[in-house]
PDB file of all heavy atoms in Angstrom:
ATOM      1  N   VAL A   1       8.906 -54.103   8.901  1.00  0.00           N
ATOM      2  CA  VAL A   1       9.104 -53.678  10.289  1.00  0.00           C
ATOM      3  C   VAL A   1      10.252 -54.444  10.927  1.00  0.00           C
ATOM      4  O   VAL A   1      11.111 -53.886  11.609  1.00  0.00           O
ATOM      5  CB  VAL A   1       7.802 -53.869  11.094  1.00  0.00           C
ATOM      6  CG1 VAL A   1       8.066 -53.669  12.591  1.00  0.00           C
ATOM      7  CG2 VAL A   1       6.745 -52.889  10.617  1.00  0.00           C
ATOM      8  N   LEU A   2      10.281 -55.754  10.691  1.00  0.00           N
ATOM      9  CA  LEU A   2      11.337 -56.582  11.271  1.00  0.00           C
ATOM     10  C   LEU A   2      12.703 -56.203  10.730  1.00  0.00           C
ATOM     11  O   LEU A   2      13.700 -56.249  11.444  1.00  0.00           O
ATOM     12  CB  LEU A   2      11.056 -58.056  10.988  1.00  0.00           C
ATOM     13  CG  LEU A   2       9.908 -58.666  11.803  1.00  0.00           C
ATOM     14  CD1 LEU A   2       9.556 -60.035  11.257  1.00  0.00           C
ATOM     15  CD2 LEU A   2      10.280 -58.771  13.268  1.00  0.00           C
ATOM     16  N   LYS A   3      12.772 -55.829   9.455  1.00  0.00           N
ATOM     17  CA  LYS A   3      14.054 -55.406   8.895  1.00  0.00           C
ATOM     18  C   LYS A   3      14.525 -54.101   9.514  1.00  0.00           C
ATOM     19  O   LYS A   3      15.707 -53.884   9.715  1.00  0.00           O
ATOM     20  CB  LYS A   3      13.912 -55.229   7.373  1.00  0.00           C
ATOM     21  CG  LYS A   3      14.076 -56.520   6.595  1.00  0.00           C
ATOM     22  CD  LYS A   3      14.180 -56.213   5.116  1.00  0.00           C
ATOM     23  CE  LYS A   3      14.551 -57.458   4.335  1.00  0.00           C
ATOM     24  NZ  LYS A   3      14.745 -57.162   2.900  1.00  0.00           N
ATOM     25  N   ALA A   4      13.549 -53.251   9.829  1.00  0.00           N
ATOM     26  CA  ALA A   4      13.930 -51.925  10.312  1.00  0.00           C
ATOM     27  C   ALA A   4      14.232 -51.894  11.797  1.00  0.00           C
ATOM     28  O   ALA A   4      14.884 -50.981  12.285  1.00  0.00           O
ATOM     29  CB  ALA A   4      12.798 -50.928  10.015  1.00  0.00           C
ATOM     30  N   GLN A   5      13.745 -52.890  12.539  1.00  0.00           N
ATOM     31  CA  GLN A   5      13.897 -52.875  13.991  1.00  0.00           C
ATOM     32  C   GLN A   5      14.763 -54.036  14.463  1.00  0.00           C
ATOM     33  O   GLN A   5      14.815 -55.076  13.842  1.00  0.00           O
ATOM     34  CB  GLN A   5      12.512 -52.970  14.659  1.00  0.00           C
ATOM     35  CG  GLN A   5      11.553 -51.864  14.256  1.00  0.00           C
ATOM     36  CD  GLN A   5      11.959 -50.522  14.792  1.00  0.00           C
ATOM     37  OE1 GLN A   5      12.598 -50.442  15.837  1.00  0.00           O
ATOM     38  NE2 GLN A   5      11.600 -49.471  14.098  1.00  0.00           N
ATOM     39  N   ASP A   6      15.411 -53.837  15.589  1.00  0.00           N
ATOM     40  CA  ASP A   6      16.189 -54.903  16.214  1.00  0.00           C
ATOM     41  C   ASP A   6      15.371 -55.490  17.348  1.00  0.00           C
ATOM     42  O   ASP A   6      15.214 -54.877  18.398  1.00  0.00           O
ATOM     43  CB  ASP A   6      17.507 -54.348  16.748  1.00  0.00           C
ATOM     44  CG  ASP A   6      18.404 -55.458  17.282  1.00  0.00           C
ATOM     45  OD1 ASP A   6      17.986 -56.630  17.279  1.00  0.00           O
ATOM     46  OD2 ASP A   6      19.520 -55.140  17.702  1.00  0.00           O
ATOM     47  N   ILE A   7      14.812 -56.699  17.149  1.00  0.00           N
ATOM     48  CA  ILE A   7      13.931 -57.287  18.151  1.00  0.00           C
ATOM     49  C   ILE A   7      14.711 -57.941  19.270  1.00  0.00           C
ATOM     50  O   ILE A   7      14.127 -58.399  20.232  1.00  0.00           O
ATOM     51  CB  ILE A   7      12.986 -58.320  17.498  1.00  0.00           C
ATOM     52  CG1 ILE A   7      13.793 -59.433  16.842  1.00  0.00           C
ATOM     53  CG2 ILE A   7      12.061 -57.666  16.507  1.00  0.00           C
ATOM     54  CD1 ILE A   7      12.939 -60.553  16.333  1.00  0.00           C
ATOM     55  N   ASN A   8      16.011 -58.015  19.149  1.00  0.00           N
ATOM     56  CA  ASN A   8      16.816 -58.705  20.151  1.00  0.00           C
ATOM     57  C   ASN A   8      17.573 -57.742  21.063  1.00  0.00           C
ATOM     58  O   ASN A   8      18.662 -58.046  21.511  1.00  0.00           O
ATOM     59  CB  ASN A   8      17.806 -59.664  19.472  1.00  0.00           C
ATOM     60  CG  ASN A   8      17.458 -61.111  19.779  1.00  0.00           C
ATOM     61  OD1 ASN A   8      16.352 -61.404  20.194  1.00  0.00           O
ATOM     62  ND2 ASN A   8      18.390 -62.002  19.575  1.00  0.00           N
ATOM     63  N   LYS A   9      17.014 -56.592  21.331  1.00  0.00           N
ATOM     64  CA  LYS A   9      17.651 -55.668  22.261  1.00  0.00           C
ATOM     65  C   LYS A   9      17.333 -56.081  23.684  1.00  0.00           C
ATOM     66  O   LYS A   9      16.208 -56.468  24.007  1.00  0.00           O
ATOM     67  CB  LYS A   9      17.170 -54.238  22.003  1.00  0.00           C
ATOM     68  CG  LYS A   9      17.723 -53.642  20.703  1.00  0.00           C
ATOM     69  CD  LYS A   9      17.269 -52.216  20.525  1.00  0.00           C
ATOM     70  CE  LYS A   9      17.872 -51.594  19.263  1.00  0.00           C
ATOM     71  NZ  LYS A   9      17.409 -50.207  19.044  1.00  0.00           N
ATOM     72  N   ALA A  10      18.335 -56.013  24.542  1.00  0.00           N
ATOM     73  CA  ALA A  10      18.175 -56.451  25.929  1.00  0.00           C
ATOM     74  C   ALA A  10      17.121 -55.623  26.656  1.00  0.00           C
ATOM     75  O   ALA A  10      16.922 -54.444  26.370  1.00  0.00           O
ATOM     76  CB  ALA A  10      19.515 -56.347  26.652  1.00  0.00           C
ATOM     77  N   GLY A  11      16.463 -56.269  27.626  1.00  0.00           N
ATOM     78  CA  GLY A  11      15.517 -55.562  28.473  1.00  0.00           C
ATOM     79  C   GLY A  11      14.054 -55.828  28.188  1.00  0.00           C
ATOM     80  O   GLY A  11      13.200 -55.448  28.988  1.00  0.00           O
ATOM     81  N   TRP A  12      13.734 -56.503  27.080  1.00  0.00           N
ATOM     82  CA  TRP A  12      12.333 -56.735  26.741  1.00  0.00           C
ATOM     83  C   TRP A  12      11.678 -57.684  27.758  1.00  0.00           C
ATOM     84  O   TRP A  12      12.215 -58.724  28.108  1.00  0.00           O
ATOM     85  CB  TRP A  12      12.188 -57.336  25.348  1.00  0.00           C
ATOM     86  CG  TRP A  12      12.186 -56.339  24.242  1.00  0.00           C
ATOM     87  CD1 TRP A  12      13.158 -56.135  23.300  1.00  0.00           C
ATOM     88  CD2 TRP A  12      11.143 -55.397  23.948  1.00  0.00           C
ATOM     89  NE1 TRP A  12      12.795 -55.125  22.435  1.00  0.00           N
ATOM     90  CE2 TRP A  12      11.566 -54.656  22.819  1.00  0.00           C
ATOM     91  CE3 TRP A  12       9.906 -55.101  24.523  1.00  0.00           C
ATOM     92  CZ2 TRP A  12      10.794 -53.649  22.247  1.00  0.00           C
ATOM     93  CZ3 TRP A  12       9.137 -54.093  23.958  1.00  0.00           C
ATOM     94  CH2 TRP A  12       9.583 -53.383  22.842  1.00  0.00           C
ATOM     95  N   PHE A  13      10.459 -57.316  28.175  1.00  0.00           N
ATOM     96  CA  PHE A  13       9.609 -58.170  29.006  1.00  0.00           C
ATOM     97  C   PHE A  13       8.473 -58.672  28.131  1.00  0.00           C
ATOM     98  O   PHE A  13       7.737 -57.881  27.538  1.00  0.00           O
ATOM     99  CB  PHE A  13       9.051 -57.394  30.193  1.00  0.00           C
ATOM    100  CG  PHE A  13       8.098 -58.192  31.052  1.00  0.00           C
ATOM    101  CD1 PHE A  13       8.567 -58.885  32.154  1.00  0.00           C
ATOM    102  CD2 PHE A  13       6.740 -58.245  30.752  1.00  0.00           C
ATOM    103  CE1 PHE A  13       7.692 -59.625  32.946  1.00  0.00           C
ATOM    104  CE2 PHE A  13       5.868 -58.979  31.535  1.00  0.00           C
ATOM    105  CZ  PHE A  13       6.345 -59.667  32.636  1.00  0.00           C
ATOM    106  N   SER A  14       8.344 -60.005  28.033  1.00  0.00           N
ATOM    107  CA  SER A  14       7.295 -60.612  27.214  1.00  0.00           C
ATOM    108  C   SER A  14       6.372 -61.437  28.092  1.00  0.00           C
ATOM    109  O   SER A  14       6.790 -62.009  29.102  1.00  0.00           O
ATOM    110  CB  SER A  14       7.902 -61.529  26.140  1.00  0.00           C
ATOM    111  OG  SER A  14       8.830 -60.852  25.339  1.00  0.00           O
ATOM    112  N   PHE A  15       5.124 -61.520  27.671  1.00  0.00           N
ATOM    113  CA  PHE A  15       4.146 -62.371  28.348  1.00  0.00           C
ATOM    114  C   PHE A  15       3.524 -63.305  27.336  1.00  0.00           C
ATOM    115  O   PHE A  15       3.280 -62.913  26.182  1.00  0.00           O
ATOM    116  CB  PHE A  15       3.054 -61.546  29.031  1.00  0.00           C
ATOM    117  CG  PHE A  15       2.032 -62.396  29.745  1.00  0.00           C
ATOM    118  CD1 PHE A  15       2.311 -62.942  30.987  1.00  0.00           C
ATOM    119  CD2 PHE A  15       0.797 -62.650  29.160  1.00  0.00           C
ATOM    120  CE1 PHE A  15       1.385 -63.736  31.642  1.00  0.00           C
ATOM    121  CE2 PHE A  15      -0.134 -63.442  29.812  1.00  0.00           C
ATOM    122  CZ  PHE A  15       0.150 -63.987  31.054  1.00  0.00           C
ATOM    123  N   GLY A  16       3.269 -64.571  27.741  1.00  0.00           N
ATOM    124  CA  GLY A  16       2.712 -65.511  26.786  1.00  0.00           C
ATOM    125  C   GLY A  16       1.882 -66.601  27.433  1.00  0.00           C
ATOM    126  O   GLY A  16       1.924 -66.825  28.647  1.00  0.00           O
ATOM    127  N   MET A  17       1.127 -67.289  26.586  1.00  0.00           N
ATOM    128  CA  MET A  17       0.359 -68.466  26.973  1.00  0.00           C
ATOM    129  C   MET A  17       0.906 -69.661  26.216  1.00  0.00           C
ATOM    130  O   MET A  17       1.368 -69.525  25.078  1.00  0.00           O
ATOM    131  CB  MET A  17      -1.129 -68.265  26.661  1.00  0.00           C
ATOM    132  CG  MET A  17      -1.740 -67.042  27.328  1.00  0.00           C
ATOM    133  SD  MET A  17      -1.639 -67.088  29.139  1.00  0.00           S
ATOM    134  CE  MET A  17      -2.763 -68.459  29.490  1.00  0.00           C
ATOM    135  N   ARG A  18       0.833 -70.856  26.827  1.00  0.00           N
ATOM    136  CA  ARG A  18       1.470 -72.013  26.235  1.00  0.00           C
ATOM    137  C   ARG A  18       0.630 -73.278  26.401  1.00  0.00           C
ATOM    138  O   ARG A  18      -0.165 -73.397  27.332  1.00  0.00           O
ATOM    139  CB  ARG A  18       2.860 -72.231  26.841  1.00  0.00           C
ATOM    140  CG  ARG A  18       2.894 -72.228  28.339  1.00  0.00           C
ATOM    141  CD  ARG A  18       4.294 -72.026  28.866  1.00  0.00           C
ATOM    142  NE  ARG A  18       4.984 -73.300  29.113  1.00  0.00           N
ATOM    143  CZ  ARG A  18       6.291 -73.430  29.155  1.00  0.00           C
ATOM    144  NH1 ARG A  18       7.074 -72.384  28.926  1.00  0.00           N
ATOM    145  NH2 ARG A  18       6.844 -74.606  29.411  1.00  0.00           N
ATOM    146  N   SER A  19       0.853 -74.210  25.482  1.00  0.00           N
ATOM    147  CA  SER A  19       0.252 -75.534  25.555  1.00  0.00           C
ATOM    148  C   SER A  19       1.367 -76.556  25.415  1.00  0.00           C
ATOM    149  O   SER A  19       2.230 -76.420  24.544  1.00  0.00           O
ATOM    150  CB  SER A  19      -0.789 -75.722  24.451  1.00  0.00           C
ATOM    151  OG  SER A  19      -1.392 -77.004  24.533  1.00  0.00           O
ATOM    152  N   THR A  20       1.355 -77.585  26.287  1.00  0.00           N
ATOM    153  CA  THR A  20       2.456 -78.540  26.335  1.00  0.00           C
ATOM    154  C   THR A  20       1.942 -79.967  26.169  1.00  0.00           C
ATOM    155  O   THR A  20       0.971 -80.369  26.821  1.00  0.00           O
ATOM    156  CB  THR A  20       3.218 -78.423  27.667  1.00  0.00           C
ATOM    157  OG1 THR A  20       3.770 -77.113  27.780  1.00  0.00           O
ATOM    158  CG2 THR A  20       4.347 -79.442  27.742  1.00  0.00           C
ATOM    159  N   PHE A  21       2.608 -80.704  25.298  1.00  0.00           N
ATOM    160  CA  PHE A  21       2.300 -82.121  25.069  1.00  0.00           C
ATOM    161  C   PHE A  21       3.387 -82.963  25.715  1.00  0.00           C
ATOM    162  O   PHE A  21       4.581 -82.751  25.461  1.00  0.00           O
ATOM    163  CB  PHE A  21       2.222 -82.407  23.574  1.00  0.00           C
ATOM    164  CG  PHE A  21       1.977 -83.858  23.236  1.00  0.00           C
ATOM    165  CD1 PHE A  21       0.726 -84.418  23.415  1.00  0.00           C
ATOM    166  CD2 PHE A  21       3.006 -84.656  22.754  1.00  0.00           C
ATOM    167  CE1 PHE A  21       0.491 -85.747  23.119  1.00  0.00           C
ATOM    168  CE2 PHE A  21       2.781 -85.988  22.450  1.00  0.00           C
ATOM    169  CZ  PHE A  21       1.519 -86.544  22.634  1.00  0.00           C
ATOM    170  N   SER A  22       2.985 -83.900  26.571  1.00  0.00           N
ATOM    171  CA  SER A  22       3.926 -84.763  27.289  1.00  0.00           C
ATOM    172  C   SER A  22       3.903 -86.158  26.689  1.00  0.00           C
ATOM    173  O   SER A  22       2.832 -86.728  26.463  1.00  0.00           O
ATOM    174  CB  SER A  22       3.560 -84.831  28.770  1.00  0.00           C
ATOM    175  OG  SER A  22       4.368 -85.776  29.454  1.00  0.00           O
ATOM    176  N   ALA A  23       5.093 -86.721  26.453  1.00  0.00           N
ATOM    177  CA  ALA A  23       5.190 -88.055  25.853  1.00  0.00           C
ATOM    178  C   ALA A  23       6.406 -88.787  26.396  1.00  0.00           C
ATOM    179  O   ALA A  23       7.261 -88.207  27.059  1.00  0.00           O
ATOM    180  CB  ALA A  23       5.268 -87.954  24.336  1.00  0.00           C
ATOM    181  N   PHE A  24       6.473 -90.078  26.086  1.00  0.00           N
ATOM    182  CA  PHE A  24       7.613 -90.934  26.431  1.00  0.00           C
ATOM    183  C   PHE A  24       7.871 -90.988  27.938  1.00  0.00           C
ATOM    184  O   PHE A  24       9.001 -90.935  28.395  1.00  0.00           O
ATOM    185  CB  PHE A  24       8.877 -90.494  25.692  1.00  0.00           C
ATOM    186  CG  PHE A  24       8.759 -90.591  24.210  1.00  0.00           C
ATOM    187  CD1 PHE A  24       8.622 -89.455  23.435  1.00  0.00           C
ATOM    188  CD2 PHE A  24       8.759 -91.818  23.576  1.00  0.00           C
ATOM    189  CE1 PHE A  24       8.496 -89.545  22.058  1.00  0.00           C
ATOM    190  CE2 PHE A  24       8.631 -91.913  22.209  1.00  0.00           C
ATOM    191  CZ  PHE A  24       8.505 -90.789  21.441  1.00  0.00           C
ATOM    192  N   SER A  25       6.808 -91.101  28.709  1.00  0.00           N
ATOM    193  CA  SER A  25       6.956 -91.297  30.148  1.00  0.00           C
ATOM    194  C   SER A  25       6.193 -92.557  30.542  1.00  0.00           C
ATOM    195  O   SER A  25       5.376 -93.074  29.785  1.00  0.00           O
ATOM    196  CB  SER A  25       6.424 -90.098  30.936  1.00  0.00           C
ATOM    197  OG  SER A  25       5.014 -90.095  30.939  1.00  0.00           O
ATOM    198  N   ASP A  26       6.438 -93.042  31.760  1.00  0.00           N
ATOM    199  CA  ASP A  26       5.715 -94.210  32.247  1.00  0.00           C
ATOM    200  C   ASP A  26       4.217 -93.941  32.368  1.00  0.00           C
ATOM    201  O   ASP A  26       3.407 -94.864  32.341  1.00  0.00           O
ATOM    202  CB  ASP A  26       6.271 -94.643  33.604  1.00  0.00           C
ATOM    203  CG  ASP A  26       7.669 -95.240  33.486  1.00  0.00           C
ATOM    204  OD1 ASP A  26       8.061 -95.603  32.363  1.00  0.00           O
ATOM    205  OD2 ASP A  26       8.364 -95.336  34.512  1.00  0.00           O
ATOM    206  N   ASP A  27       3.849 -92.678  32.511  1.00  0.00           N
ATOM    207  CA  ASP A  27       2.438 -92.327  32.669  1.00  0.00           C
ATOM    208  C   ASP A  27       1.676 -92.333  31.343  1.00  0.00           C
ATOM    209  O   ASP A  27       0.450 -92.300  31.341  1.00  0.00           O
ATOM    210  CB  ASP A  27       2.299 -90.949  33.306  1.00  0.00           C
ATOM    211  CG  ASP A  27       2.726 -90.947  34.763  1.00  0.00           C
ATOM    212  OD1 ASP A  27       3.052 -92.031  35.276  1.00  0.00           O
ATOM    213  OD2 ASP A  27       2.746 -89.869  35.377  1.00  0.00           O
ATOM    214  N   GLY A  28       2.377 -92.302  30.210  1.00  0.00           N
ATOM    215  CA  GLY A  28       1.710 -92.215  28.921  1.00  0.00           C
ATOM    216  C   GLY A  28       1.790 -90.816  28.353  1.00  0.00           C
ATOM    217  O   GLY A  28       2.737 -90.073  28.636  1.00  0.00           O
ATOM    218  N   THR A  29       0.819 -90.439  27.554  1.00  0.00           N
ATOM    219  CA  THR A  29       0.820 -89.133  26.911  1.00  0.00           C
ATOM    220  C   THR A  29      -0.331 -88.279  27.426  1.00  0.00           C
ATOM    221  O   THR A  29      -1.381 -88.786  27.819  1.00  0.00           O
ATOM    222  CB  THR A  29       0.696 -89.265  25.377  1.00  0.00           C
ATOM    223  OG1 THR A  29      -0.538 -89.939  25.065  1.00  0.00           O
ATOM    224  CG2 THR A  29       1.850 -90.066  24.815  1.00  0.00           C
ATOM    225  N   GLY A  30      -0.112 -86.969  27.421  1.00  0.00           N
ATOM    226  CA  GLY A  30      -1.145 -86.040  27.866  1.00  0.00           C
ATOM    227  C   GLY A  30      -0.827 -84.642  27.394  1.00  0.00           C
ATOM    228  O   GLY A  30       0.265 -84.368  26.881  1.00  0.00           O
TER     229      GLY A  30
END
């Protein structure tokens, strides 16, 4: 499917969920 389609065509709207790890700050890690 990826070979047959161009996933980088302009105009796509994507939605996502994320998890972030914070480090190297005075507050520590979280």
